[in-house]
Amino acid sequence: MSSLTLNVAMVFLTLAGATVVVAVLSAPRNVQLSSMNMNLVLRWDSPEGESSDLIFTTECTTSVRTCPVGCVNISTHECDFSSFNTSLSVYGRYRARVRAQRGAESSSWVESDPITLDSETIIGAPNVWLFSHGATIEIAIKDPEFAMSDFRSIYSTATYNITFWKDGQNKKTKSISCDRRNRVFLNDLERWSNYCVQVQITAEGNTKPSKPSSTVCERTTSADAPWVPAVVTFLIMTAAVTLVVFAVAYRRRASYFLCPEDQVPQYLLATPCSPLYWAMHNSDQPEEIYNSVSVIAEDKSVESRWEEPGGIADHHMLKIFPETLCKCHQV
């Protein structure tokens, strides 16, 4: 009886007059084993009509032996064998299977189609960068990273298929191919124009090309020689190194100039011996003589009179503004 049409099978076994009943779950559906950048992943859907409280167990096999480790009692619908099996071979041919469980109940095993990694893995898109050098655009390409081994160890003769076009003219594309070189130059392009590039990898021994890279665009400039930026960079670095060497070689002189160590001469710090200095130093402070003045507002000039100490009279004319009037008191 097919596992897709079997909901609950009752298997009656008569042993010593006893009847044993075994309940069987529906099996997982759409079981597929796939590979992307040399990983090995099994995916499936839950059994039809079953609740979501199921757990799953997976196994992986080759023509020779079973994989050392599989996913056990997981609730997700995916198992990546390459994440914990270090003994997998990039040239191996693999199958995988899965079954559902709920408590003591379990479904039958459902097996995937076989897959050979090096010929059927899907190669991811390469990374692409563009650099403008006048009327030339440099293309830098980085291979995709693999889960097992590295790209060039498996596909040593892989080629890059480069498609480029002037921005806005997608139907007028041009293509070039190159082997192994991860830096390519597009020469004699129109100045002050935007060009777009897309790269795809073709690997001998793999059944299909890689996924295409993202489209990257760059603008050409004037036809300056490509060595001009290098010369400018060299001059800047030379000036910086010269300043550093000068600072290290003359740091002592600079510190002496900014922070001199010279001291004040001792003869300036010594106590003067002049008689005038000692006379000033030992003399009493003179008594200060002052007069008190009061100001009262009045719109006229007044004459004030007071005597200076010693009995000498003196006349002082004060000009009083409208706002003030001076009233003088003799002290």
C-alpha atoms as a PDB file:
ATOM      1  CA  MET A   1       0.000   0.000   0.000  1.00  0.00           C
ATOM      2  CA  SER A   2       1.424   3.443  -0.963  1.00  0.00           C
ATOM      3  CA  SER A   3       2.593   5.745   1.874  1.00  0.00           C
ATOM      4  CA  LEU A   4       0.812   8.686   0.216  1.00  0.00           C
ATOM      5  CA  THR A   5      -2.612   7.050   0.491  1.00  0.00           C
ATOM      6  CA  LEU A   6      -2.029   5.339   3.808  1.00  0.00           C
ATOM      7  CA  ASN A   7      -3.353   7.272   6.834  1.00  0.00           C
ATOM      8  CA  VAL A   8      -3.513   4.666   9.512  1.00  0.00           C
ATOM      9  CA  ALA A   9      -2.647   1.069   8.671  1.00  0.00           C
ATOM     10  CA  MET A  10      -3.630  -1.669  11.003  1.00  0.00           C
ATOM     11  CA  VAL A  11      -1.293  -4.596  10.726  1.00  0.00           C
ATOM     12  CA  PHE A  12      -2.605  -7.629  12.531  1.00  0.00           C
ATOM     13  CA  LEU A  13      -0.075 -10.149  13.618  1.00  0.00           C
ATOM     14  CA  THR A  14      -1.120 -13.206  15.478  1.00  0.00           C
ATOM     15  CA  LEU A  15       1.529 -14.464  17.804  1.00  0.00           C
ATOM     16  CA  ALA A  16       0.650 -17.052  20.434  1.00  0.00           C
ATOM     17  CA  GLY A  17      -2.970 -16.086  20.074  1.00  0.00           C
ATOM     18  CA  ALA A  18      -2.317 -12.350  20.656  1.00  0.00           C
ATOM     19  CA  THR A  19      -3.077  -9.532  18.229  1.00  0.00           C
ATOM     20  CA  VAL A  20      -0.490  -6.658  17.906  1.00  0.00           C
ATOM     21  CA  VAL A  21      -1.604  -3.347  16.365  1.00  0.00           C
ATOM     22  CA  VAL A  22       1.032  -0.971  14.863  1.00  0.00           C
ATOM     23  CA  ALA A  23       0.067   2.604  13.846  1.00  0.00           C
ATOM     24  CA  VAL A  24       1.986   4.081  10.869  1.00  0.00           C
ATOM     25  CA  LEU A  25       2.268   7.833  10.068  1.00  0.00           C
ATOM     26  CA  SER A  26       2.053   9.280   6.587  1.00  0.00           C
ATOM     27  CA  ALA A  27       5.478   9.800   5.027  1.00  0.00           C
ATOM     28  CA  PRO A  28       7.094  13.171   4.174  1.00  0.00           C
ATOM     29  CA  ARG A  29       6.470  14.561   0.674  1.00  0.00           C
ATOM     30  CA  ASN A  30       8.580  16.252  -2.066  1.00  0.00           C
ATOM     31  CA  VAL A  31      11.890  14.914  -0.782  1.00  0.00           C
ATOM     32  CA  GLN A  32      14.776  16.485  -2.707  1.00  0.00           C
ATOM     33  CA  LEU A  33      18.557  16.341  -2.282  1.00  0.00           C
ATOM     34  CA  SER A  34      20.329  19.387  -3.753  1.00  0.00           C
ATOM     35  CA  SER A  35      23.693  21.118  -3.713  1.00  0.00           C
ATOM     36  CA  MET A  36      24.668  24.796  -3.885  1.00  0.00           C
ATOM     37  CA  ASN A  37      28.374  25.708  -3.860  1.00  0.00           C
ATOM     38  CA  MET A  38      29.296  22.159  -2.811  1.00  0.00           C
ATOM     39  CA  ASN A  39      26.971  21.799   0.141  1.00  0.00           C
ATOM     40  CA  LEU A  40      24.600  18.813   0.467  1.00  0.00           C
ATOM     41  CA  VAL A  41      21.098  19.652   1.688  1.00  0.00           C
ATOM     42  CA  LEU A  42      17.979  17.475   1.975  1.00  0.00           C
ATOM     43  CA  ARG A  43      14.583  19.235   1.951  1.00  0.00           C
ATOM     44  CA  TRP A  44      11.020  17.918   2.273  1.00  0.00           C
ATOM     45  CA  ASP A  45       7.427  18.833   3.094  1.00  0.00           C
ATOM     46  CA  SER A  46       5.337  17.570   6.023  1.00  0.00           C
ATOM     47  CA  PRO A  47       3.034  14.598   5.465  1.00  0.00           C
ATOM     48  CA  GLU A  48      -0.348  15.603   4.140  1.00  0.00           C
ATOM     49  CA  GLY A  49      -3.074  15.744   6.758  1.00  0.00           C
ATOM     50  CA  GLU A  50      -0.722  15.451   9.750  1.00  0.00           C
ATOM     51  CA  SER A  51      -0.391  17.936  12.617  1.00  0.00           C
ATOM     52  CA  SER A  52       2.668  20.168  13.080  1.00  0.00           C
ATOM     53  CA  ASP A  53       4.054  18.335  16.138  1.00  0.00           C
ATOM     54  CA  LEU A  54       6.106  15.909  14.040  1.00  0.00           C
ATOM     55  CA  ILE A  55       9.862  15.423  14.268  1.00  0.00           C
ATOM     56  CA  PHE A  56      12.109  14.066  11.533  1.00  0.00           C
ATOM     57  CA  THR A  57      15.209  11.919  11.210  1.00  0.00           C
ATOM     58  CA  THR A  58      17.450  11.837   8.141  1.00  0.00           C
ATOM     59  CA  GLU A  59      20.215   9.629   6.750  1.00  0.00           C
ATOM     60  CA  CYS A  60      22.637  10.012   3.874  1.00  0.00           C
ATOM     61  CA  THR A  61      24.193   7.137   1.906  1.00  0.00           C
ATOM     62  CA  THR A  62      26.663   6.555  -0.906  1.00  0.00           C
ATOM     63  CA  SER A  63      27.158   3.527  -3.096  1.00  0.00           C
ATOM     64  CA  VAL A  64      29.721   2.292  -0.592  1.00  0.00           C
ATOM     65  CA  ARG A  65      28.629   3.327   2.892  1.00  0.00           C
ATOM     66  CA  THR A  66      26.305   5.435   5.035  1.00  0.00           C
ATOM     67  CA  CYS A  67      27.246   8.985   6.028  1.00  0.00           C
ATOM     68  CA  PRO A  68      28.604   9.051   9.587  1.00  0.00           C
ATOM     69  CA  VAL A  69      26.097  11.636  10.837  1.00  0.00           C
ATOM     70  CA  GLY A  70      22.540  12.679   9.960  1.00  0.00           C
ATOM     71  CA  CYS A  71      19.929  14.988  11.476  1.00  0.00           C
ATOM     72  CA  VAL A  72      18.024  13.304  14.321  1.00  0.00           C
ATOM     73  CA  ASN A  73      14.723  14.428  15.896  1.00  0.00           C
ATOM     74  CA  ILE A  74      14.554  17.838  14.212  1.00  0.00           C
ATOM     75  CA  SER A  75      11.394  19.879  13.693  1.00  0.00           C
ATOM     76  CA  THR A  76      12.586  21.782  10.607  1.00  0.00           C
ATOM     77  CA  HIS A  77      12.180  20.498   7.057  1.00  0.00           C
ATOM     78  CA  GLU A  78      15.831  20.745   6.062  1.00  0.00           C
ATOM     79  CA  CYS A  79      19.113  18.979   6.863  1.00  0.00           C
ATOM     80  CA  ASP A  80      22.550  20.182   5.710  1.00  0.00           C
ATOM     81  CA  PHE A  81      24.851  17.137   5.729  1.00  0.00           C
ATOM     82  CA  SER A  82      27.891  19.168   4.643  1.00  0.00           C
ATOM     83  CA  SER A  83      27.795  21.277   7.829  1.00  0.00           C
ATOM     84  CA  PHE A  84      28.859  18.378  10.089  1.00  0.00           C
ATOM     85  CA  ASN A  85      30.204  15.628   7.795  1.00  0.00           C
ATOM     86  CA  THR A  86      33.873  16.275   7.098  1.00  0.00           C
ATOM     87  CA  SER A  87      34.280  12.931   5.295  1.00  0.00           C
ATOM     88  CA  LEU A  88      32.089  13.878   2.321  1.00  0.00           C
ATOM     89  CA  SER A  89      33.835  13.923  -1.057  1.00  0.00           C
ATOM     90  CA  VAL A  90      33.287  16.631  -3.661  1.00  0.00           C
ATOM     91  CA  TYR A  91      33.298  13.876  -6.312  1.00  0.00           C
ATOM     92  CA  GLY A  92      30.914  11.547  -4.439  1.00  0.00           C
ATOM     93  CA  ARG A  93      27.450  10.387  -5.504  1.00  0.00           C
ATOM     94  CA  TYR A  94      24.918  10.595  -2.666  1.00  0.00           C
ATOM     95  CA  ARG A  95      21.374   9.695  -1.743  1.00  0.00           C
ATOM     96  CA  ALA A  96      19.440  10.762   1.355  1.00  0.00           C
ATOM     97  CA  ARG A  97      16.238   9.729   3.069  1.00  0.00           C
ATOM     98  CA  VAL A  98      13.883  11.017   5.770  1.00  0.00           C
ATOM     99  CA  ARG A  99      11.058   9.746   7.967  1.00  0.00           C
ATOM    100  CA  ALA A 100       8.506  11.385  10.284  1.00  0.00           C
ATOM    101  CA  GLN A 101       7.979  10.514  13.966  1.00  0.00           C
ATOM    102  CA  ARG A 102       5.516  11.278  16.728  1.00  0.00           C
ATOM    103  CA  GLY A 103       6.150   9.495  19.978  1.00  0.00           C
ATOM    104  CA  ALA A 104       6.264   5.756  19.259  1.00  0.00           C
ATOM    105  CA  GLU A 105       4.724   6.256  15.812  1.00  0.00           C
ATOM    106  CA  SER A 106       6.867   6.648  12.722  1.00  0.00           C
ATOM    107  CA  SER A 107       6.437   6.763   8.955  1.00  0.00           C
ATOM    108  CA  SER A 108       8.241   4.799   6.320  1.00  0.00           C
ATOM    109  CA  TRP A 109      11.530   6.106   4.908  1.00  0.00           C
ATOM    110  CA  VAL A 110      11.298   8.282   1.773  1.00  0.00           C
ATOM    111  CA  GLU A 111      14.455   8.379  -0.357  1.00  0.00           C
ATOM    112  CA  SER A 112      15.654  11.170  -2.646  1.00  0.00           C
ATOM    113  CA  ASP A 113      17.096  10.910  -6.135  1.00  0.00           C
ATOM    114  CA  PRO A 114      20.884  10.585  -6.229  1.00  0.00           C
ATOM    115  CA  ILE A 115      23.174  13.550  -6.852  1.00  0.00           C
ATOM    116  CA  THR A 116      26.847  13.790  -7.888  1.00  0.00           C
ATOM    117  CA  LEU A 117      28.373  16.869  -6.285  1.00  0.00           C
ATOM    118  CA  ASP A 118      31.010  18.054  -8.765  1.00  0.00           C
ATOM    119  CA  SER A 119      28.762  17.711 -11.820  1.00  0.00           C
ATOM    120  CA  GLU A 120      25.398  18.748 -10.355  1.00  0.00           C
ATOM    121  CA  THR A 121      26.137  21.341  -7.690  1.00  0.00           C
ATOM    122  CA  ILE A 122      24.811  24.791  -8.533  1.00  0.00           C
ATOM    123  CA  ILE A 123      27.684  27.269  -8.782  1.00  0.00           C
ATOM    124  CA  GLY A 124      26.843  30.582  -7.161  1.00  0.00           C
ATOM    125  CA  ALA A 125      27.323  34.000  -8.709  1.00  0.00           C
ATOM    126  CA  PRO A 126      30.830  35.510  -8.676  1.00  0.00           C
ATOM    127  CA  ASN A 127      31.527  38.860  -7.011  1.00  0.00           C
ATOM    128  CA  VAL A 128      32.418  41.659  -9.435  1.00  0.00           C
ATOM    129  CA  TRP A 129      34.037  45.107  -8.931  1.00  0.00           C
ATOM    130  CA  LEU A 130      34.771  47.781 -11.566  1.00  0.00           C
ATOM    131  CA  PHE A 131      37.557  50.392 -11.532  1.00  0.00           C
ATOM    132  CA  SER A 132      37.798  53.264 -14.018  1.00  0.00           C
ATOM    133  CA  HIS A 133      41.166  54.232 -15.548  1.00  0.00           C
ATOM    134  CA  GLY A 134      40.440  56.938 -18.084  1.00  0.00           C
ATOM    135  CA  ALA A 135      38.886  55.284 -21.152  1.00  0.00           C
ATOM    136  CA  THR A 136      39.583  51.811 -19.686  1.00  0.00           C
ATOM    137  CA  ILE A 137      37.533  49.873 -17.149  1.00  0.00           C
ATOM    138  CA  GLU A 138      39.179  47.189 -15.030  1.00  0.00           C
ATOM    139  CA  ILE A 139      37.026  44.209 -13.983  1.00  0.00           C
ATOM    140  CA  ALA A 140      37.976  42.361 -10.778  1.00  0.00           C
ATOM    141  CA  ILE A 141      36.307  38.962 -10.269  1.00  0.00           C
ATOM    142  CA  LYS A 142      36.163  36.811  -7.140  1.00  0.00           C
ATOM    143  CA  ASP A 143      35.060  33.158  -7.302  1.00  0.00           C
ATOM    144  CA  PRO A 144      32.196  31.974  -5.087  1.00  0.00           C
ATOM    145  CA  GLU A 145      33.106  30.320  -1.792  1.00  0.00           C
ATOM    146  CA  PHE A 146      32.412  26.587  -1.465  1.00  0.00           C
ATOM    147  CA  ALA A 147      31.236  24.644   1.590  1.00  0.00           C
ATOM    148  CA  MET A 148      33.812  21.946   0.837  1.00  0.00           C
ATOM    149  CA  SER A 149      37.217  22.621  -0.794  1.00  0.00           C
ATOM    150  CA  ASP A 150      37.646  25.745  -2.956  1.00  0.00           C
ATOM    151  CA  PHE A 151      36.464  26.626  -6.427  1.00  0.00           C
ATOM    152  CA  ARG A 152      39.750  26.429  -8.378  1.00  0.00           C
ATOM    153  CA  SER A 153      40.744  23.133  -6.752  1.00  0.00           C
ATOM    154  CA  ILE A 154      37.679  21.506  -8.326  1.00  0.00           C
ATOM    155  CA  TYR A 155      37.238  23.534 -11.524  1.00  0.00           C
ATOM    156  CA  SER A 156      40.758  24.573 -12.497  1.00  0.00           C
ATOM    157  CA  THR A 157      39.810  25.316 -16.120  1.00  0.00           C
ATOM    158  CA  ALA A 158      36.655  27.320 -15.440  1.00  0.00           C
ATOM    159  CA  THR A 159      36.126  30.379 -17.645  1.00  0.00           C
ATOM    160  CA  TYR A 160      34.485  33.762 -17.056  1.00  0.00           C
ATOM    161  CA  ASN A 161      31.852  34.832 -19.576  1.00  0.00           C
ATOM    162  CA  ILE A 162      31.794  38.635 -19.393  1.00  0.00           C
ATOM    163  CA  THR A 163      28.931  40.606 -20.926  1.00  0.00           C
ATOM    164  CA  PHE A 164      29.140  44.404 -21.054  1.00  0.00           C
ATOM    165  CA  TRP A 165      27.186  47.224 -22.620  1.00  0.00           C
ATOM    166  CA  LYS A 166      26.856  50.973 -22.597  1.00  0.00           C
ATOM    167  CA  ASP A 167      24.276  52.062 -20.044  1.00  0.00           C
ATOM    168  CA  GLY A 168      20.888  52.489 -21.740  1.00  0.00           C
ATOM    169  CA  GLN A 169      21.827  50.236 -24.660  1.00  0.00           C
ATOM    170  CA  ASN A 170      21.023  46.813 -23.206  1.00  0.00           C
ATOM    171  CA  LYS A 171      20.305  45.310 -26.616  1.00  0.00           C
ATOM    172  CA  LYS A 172      23.790  46.167 -27.909  1.00  0.00           C
ATOM    173  CA  THR A 173      25.771  43.893 -25.612  1.00  0.00           C
ATOM    174  CA  LYS A 174      29.273  42.563 -26.204  1.00  0.00           C
ATOM    175  CA  SER A 175      30.795  39.392 -24.709  1.00  0.00           C
ATOM    176  CA  ILE A 176      34.296  38.160 -24.004  1.00  0.00           C
ATOM    177  CA  SER A 177      35.633  35.029 -22.281  1.00  0.00           C
ATOM    178  CA  CYS A 178      38.802  34.574 -20.285  1.00  0.00           C
ATOM    179  CA  ASP A 179      40.430  31.655 -18.469  1.00  0.00           C
ATOM    180  CA  ARG A 180      41.690  31.834 -14.890  1.00  0.00           C
ATOM    181  CA  ARG A 181      42.485  35.552 -14.948  1.00  0.00           C
ATOM    182  CA  ASN A 182      40.438  37.321 -12.309  1.00  0.00           C
ATOM    183  CA  ARG A 183      41.327  40.779 -13.647  1.00  0.00           C
ATOM    184  CA  VAL A 184      40.182  41.838 -17.121  1.00  0.00           C
ATOM    185  CA  PHE A 185      40.481  45.221 -18.886  1.00  0.00           C
ATOM    186  CA  LEU A 186      37.950  46.733 -21.264  1.00  0.00           C
ATOM    187  CA  ASN A 187      39.946  49.128 -23.455  1.00  0.00           C
ATOM    188  CA  ASP A 188      39.097  51.929 -25.906  1.00  0.00           C
ATOM    189  CA  LEU A 189      35.715  52.740 -24.415  1.00  0.00           C
ATOM    190  CA  GLU A 190      33.901  56.023 -24.974  1.00  0.00           C
ATOM    191  CA  ARG A 191      34.998  58.721 -22.543  1.00  0.00           C
ATOM    192  CA  TRP A 192      32.610  60.074 -19.928  1.00  0.00           C
ATOM    193  CA  SER A 193      30.172  57.192 -20.456  1.00  0.00           C
ATOM    194  CA  ASN A 194      28.609  54.631 -18.120  1.00  0.00           C
ATOM    195  CA  TYR A 195      29.275  50.946 -18.848  1.00  0.00           C
ATOM    196  CA  CYS A 196      27.613  47.972 -17.157  1.00  0.00           C
ATOM    197  CA  VAL A 197      29.085  44.480 -16.677  1.00  0.00           C
ATOM    198  CA  GLN A 198      27.716  41.049 -15.742  1.00  0.00           C
ATOM    199  CA  VAL A 199      29.806  37.889 -15.262  1.00  0.00           C
ATOM    200  CA  GLN A 200      28.874  34.195 -15.362  1.00  0.00           C
ATOM    201  CA  ILE A 201      31.116  31.161 -14.793  1.00  0.00           C
ATOM    202  CA  THR A 202      31.254  28.089 -17.001  1.00  0.00           C
ATOM    203  CA  ALA A 203      32.982  25.093 -15.396  1.00  0.00           C
ATOM    204  CA  GLU A 204      34.031  22.044 -17.363  1.00  0.00           C
ATOM    205  CA  GLY A 205      32.420  18.929 -15.883  1.00  0.00           C
ATOM    206  CA  ASN A 206      29.420  20.818 -14.470  1.00  0.00           C
ATOM    207  CA  THR A 207      26.125  20.447 -16.272  1.00  0.00           C
ATOM    208  CA  LYS A 208      25.138  24.145 -16.210  1.00  0.00           C
ATOM    209  CA  PRO A 209      26.738  27.594 -15.863  1.00  0.00           C
ATOM    210  CA  SER A 210      26.793  29.492 -12.621  1.00  0.00           C
ATOM    211  CA  LYS A 211      24.243  32.019 -11.534  1.00  0.00           C
ATOM    212  CA  PRO A 212      24.973  35.411 -13.135  1.00  0.00           C
ATOM    213  CA  SER A 213      26.535  38.124 -11.031  1.00  0.00           C
ATOM    214  CA  SER A 214      24.764  41.320 -10.112  1.00  0.00           C
ATOM    215  CA  THR A 215      24.960  44.014 -12.760  1.00  0.00           C
ATOM    216  CA  VAL A 216      27.693  46.536 -11.888  1.00  0.00           C
ATOM    217  CA  CYS A 217      28.190  49.888 -13.653  1.00  0.00           C
ATOM    218  CA  GLU A 218      31.103  52.351 -13.788  1.00  0.00           C
ATOM    219  CA  ARG A 219      31.808  55.639 -15.599  1.00  0.00           C
ATOM    220  CA  THR A 220      34.823  56.239 -17.814  1.00  0.00           C
ATOM    221  CA  THR A 221      36.740  59.516 -17.486  1.00  0.00           C
ATOM    222  CA  SER A 222      39.368  61.385 -19.518  1.00  0.00           C
ATOM    223  CA  ALA A 223      42.247  59.569 -21.131  1.00  0.00           C
ATOM    224  CA  ASP A 224      44.738  60.305 -18.381  1.00  0.00           C
ATOM    225  CA  ALA A 225      47.595  57.899 -18.140  1.00  0.00           C
ATOM    226  CA  PRO A 226      46.831  55.107 -15.650  1.00  0.00           C
ATOM    227  CA  TRP A 227      50.090  55.799 -13.812  1.00  0.00           C
ATOM    228  CA  VAL A 228      49.055  59.325 -12.719  1.00  0.00           C
ATOM    229  CA  PRO A 229      47.166  58.182  -9.584  1.00  0.00           C
ATOM    230  CA  ALA A 230      50.106  55.951  -8.674  1.00  0.00           C
ATOM    231  CA  VAL A 231      52.569  58.853  -8.960  1.00  0.00           C
ATOM    232  CA  VAL A 232      50.347  61.131  -6.847  1.00  0.00           C
ATOM    233  CA  THR A 233      50.014  58.428  -4.202  1.00  0.00           C
ATOM    234  CA  PHE A 234      53.790  57.900  -4.199  1.00  0.00           C
ATOM    235  CA  LEU A 235      54.464  61.625  -3.692  1.00  0.00           C
ATOM    236  CA  ILE A 236      52.007  61.851  -0.819  1.00  0.00           C
ATOM    237  CA  MET A 237      53.539  58.815   0.887  1.00  0.00           C
ATOM    238  CA  THR A 238      57.058  60.198   0.364  1.00  0.00           C
ATOM    239  CA  ALA A 239      56.109  63.517   1.976  1.00  0.00           C
ATOM    240  CA  ALA A 240      54.494  61.726   4.908  1.00  0.00           C
ATOM    241  CA  VAL A 241      57.563  59.525   5.474  1.00  0.00           C
ATOM    242  CA  THR A 242      59.861  62.575   5.283  1.00  0.00           C
ATOM    243  CA  LEU A 243      57.839  64.395   7.933  1.00  0.00           C
ATOM    244  CA  VAL A 244      57.946  61.367  10.214  1.00  0.00           C
ATOM    245  CA  VAL A 245      61.731  60.999   9.830  1.00  0.00           C
ATOM    246  CA  PHE A 246      62.249  64.728  10.449  1.00  0.00           C
ATOM    247  CA  ALA A 247      60.078  64.613  13.564  1.00  0.00           C
ATOM    248  CA  VAL A 248      61.999  61.634  14.960  1.00  0.00           C
ATOM    249  CA  ALA A 249      65.478  63.015  14.114  1.00  0.00           C
ATOM    250  CA  TYR A 250      64.887  66.526  15.454  1.00  0.00           C
ATOM    251  CA  ARG A 251      62.489  65.859  18.274  1.00  0.00           C
ATOM    252  CA  ARG A 252      65.075  66.897  20.916  1.00  0.00           C
ATOM    253  CA  ARG A 253      65.790  70.228  19.262  1.00  0.00           C
ATOM    254  CA  ALA A 254      62.109  70.906  18.856  1.00  0.00           C
ATOM    255  CA  SER A 255      61.453  70.130  22.508  1.00  0.00           C
ATOM    256  CA  TYR A 256      64.340  72.415  23.609  1.00  0.00           C
ATOM    257  CA  PHE A 257      62.946  75.207  21.429  1.00  0.00           C
ATOM    258  CA  LEU A 258      59.391  74.851  22.705  1.00  0.00           C
ATOM    259  CA  CYS A 259      60.330  74.117  26.325  1.00  0.00           C
ATOM    260  CA  PRO A 260      63.777  75.649  27.039  1.00  0.00           C
ATOM    261  CA  GLU A 261      65.655  74.474  30.111  1.00  0.00           C
ATOM    262  CA  ASP A 262      67.481  77.812  30.730  1.00  0.00           C
ATOM    263  CA  GLN A 263      67.096  79.234  34.263  1.00  0.00           C
ATOM    264  CA  VAL A 264      66.814  82.812  35.467  1.00  0.00           C
ATOM    265  CA  PRO A 265      70.327  84.208  36.274  1.00  0.00           C
ATOM    266  CA  GLN A 266      71.148  84.160  39.958  1.00  0.00           C
ATOM    267  CA  TYR A 267      72.125  87.836  40.055  1.00  0.00           C
ATOM    268  CA  LEU A 268      68.524  88.699  39.194  1.00  0.00           C
ATOM    269  CA  LEU A 269      67.256  86.597  42.082  1.00  0.00           C
ATOM    270  CA  ALA A 270      69.771  87.998  44.618  1.00  0.00           C
ATOM    271  CA  THR A 271      68.644  90.693  47.104  1.00  0.00           C
ATOM    272  CA  PRO A 272      69.726  94.179  45.849  1.00  0.00           C
ATOM    273  CA  CYS A 273      72.387  96.010  47.925  1.00  0.00           C
ATOM    274  CA  SER A 274      71.402  99.532  46.876  1.00  0.00           C
ATOM    275  CA  PRO A 275      70.762 102.044  49.785  1.00  0.00           C
ATOM    276  CA  LEU A 276      67.790 103.412  47.847  1.00  0.00           C
ATOM    277  CA  TYR A 277      66.204  99.943  47.739  1.00  0.00           C
ATOM    278  CA  TRP A 278      66.597  99.471  51.518  1.00  0.00           C
ATOM    279  CA  ALA A 279      65.309 102.986  52.218  1.00  0.00           C
ATOM    280  CA  MET A 280      62.190 102.231  50.192  1.00  0.00           C
ATOM    281  CA  HIS A 281      61.871  98.797  51.716  1.00  0.00           C
ATOM    282  CA  ASN A 282      62.087 100.024  55.371  1.00  0.00           C
ATOM    283  CA  SER A 283      60.129 103.294  55.047  1.00  0.00           C
ATOM    284  CA  ASP A 284      56.650 103.677  56.535  1.00  0.00           C
ATOM    285  CA  GLN A 285      53.652 103.935  54.289  1.00  0.00           C
ATOM    286  CA  PRO A 286      52.671 107.649  53.815  1.00  0.00           C
ATOM    287  CA  GLU A 287      49.359 108.858  55.253  1.00  0.00           C
ATOM    288  CA  GLU A 288      46.788 109.386  52.525  1.00  0.00           C
ATOM    289  CA  ILE A 289      44.940 112.759  52.531  1.00  0.00           C
ATOM    290  CA  TYR A 290      41.573 113.033  50.850  1.00  0.00           C
ATOM    291  CA  ASN A 291      38.450 115.263  50.804  1.00  0.00           C
ATOM    292  CA  SER A 292      34.834 114.185  50.840  1.00  0.00           C
ATOM    293  CA  VAL A 293      32.527 115.491  48.092  1.00  0.00           C
ATOM    294  CA  SER A 294      28.737 115.262  47.990  1.00  0.00           C
ATOM    295  CA  VAL A 295      26.816 115.830  44.756  1.00  0.00           C
ATOM    296  CA  ILE A 296      23.290 117.369  44.773  1.00  0.00           C
ATOM    297  CA  ALA A 297      21.261 118.109  41.637  1.00  0.00           C
ATOM    298  CA  GLU A 298      20.782 121.847  40.774  1.00  0.00           C
ATOM    299  CA  ASP A 299      20.675 123.705  37.458  1.00  0.00           C
ATOM    300  CA  LYS A 300      23.475 126.196  38.079  1.00  0.00           C
ATOM    301  CA  SER A 301      27.177 126.491  38.739  1.00  0.00           C
ATOM    302  CA  VAL A 302      28.329 126.749  42.333  1.00  0.00           C
ATOM    303  CA  GLU A 303      31.567 127.773  43.879  1.00  0.00           C
ATOM    304  CA  SER A 304      33.112 125.585  46.481  1.00  0.00           C
ATOM    305  CA  ARG A 305      35.804 126.448  48.911  1.00  0.00           C
ATOM    306  CA  TRP A 306      37.795 124.354  51.285  1.00  0.00           C
ATOM    307  CA  GLU A 307      41.147 124.461  52.936  1.00  0.00           C
ATOM    308  CA  GLU A 308      43.890 122.030  52.249  1.00  0.00           C
ATOM    309  CA  PRO A 309      45.725 120.771  55.258  1.00  0.00           C
ATOM    310  CA  GLY A 310      48.128 123.447  56.341  1.00  0.00           C
ATOM    311  CA  GLY A 311      45.613 126.292  56.306  1.00  0.00           C
ATOM    312  CA  ILE A 312      45.981 127.259  52.650  1.00  0.00           C
ATOM    313  CA  ALA A 313      42.634 128.222  51.199  1.00  0.00           C
ATOM    314  CA  ASP A 314      41.802 127.281  47.665  1.00  0.00           C
ATOM    315  CA  HIS A 315      38.852 128.156  45.398  1.00  0.00           C
ATOM    316  CA  HIS A 316      37.404 125.573  43.059  1.00  0.00           C
ATOM    317  CA  MET A 317      34.703 126.265  40.466  1.00  0.00           C
ATOM    318  CA  LEU A 318      32.458 123.294  39.763  1.00  0.00           C
ATOM    319  CA  LYS A 319      30.250 123.200  36.695  1.00  0.00           C
ATOM    320  CA  ILE A 320      26.968 121.617  37.730  1.00  0.00           C
ATOM    321  CA  PHE A 321      24.771 120.019  35.110  1.00  0.00           C
ATOM    322  CA  PRO A 322      20.977 120.015  35.389  1.00  0.00           C
ATOM    323  CA  GLU A 323      21.026 116.590  36.803  1.00  0.00           C
ATOM    324  CA  THR A 324      23.503 117.248  39.646  1.00  0.00           C
ATOM    325  CA  LEU A 325      24.576 119.799  42.244  1.00  0.00           C
ATOM    326  CA  CYS A 326      27.781 119.507  44.209  1.00  0.00           C
ATOM    327  CA  LYS A 327      27.708 120.378  47.850  1.00  0.00           C
ATOM    328  CA  CYS A 328      31.191 120.418  49.322  1.00  0.00           C
ATOM    329  CA  HIS A 329      31.958 119.854  52.946  1.00  0.00           C
ATOM    330  CA  GLN A 330      35.261 120.778  54.506  1.00  0.00           C
ATOM    331  CA  VAL A 331      37.046 117.878  56.086  1.00  0.00           C
END
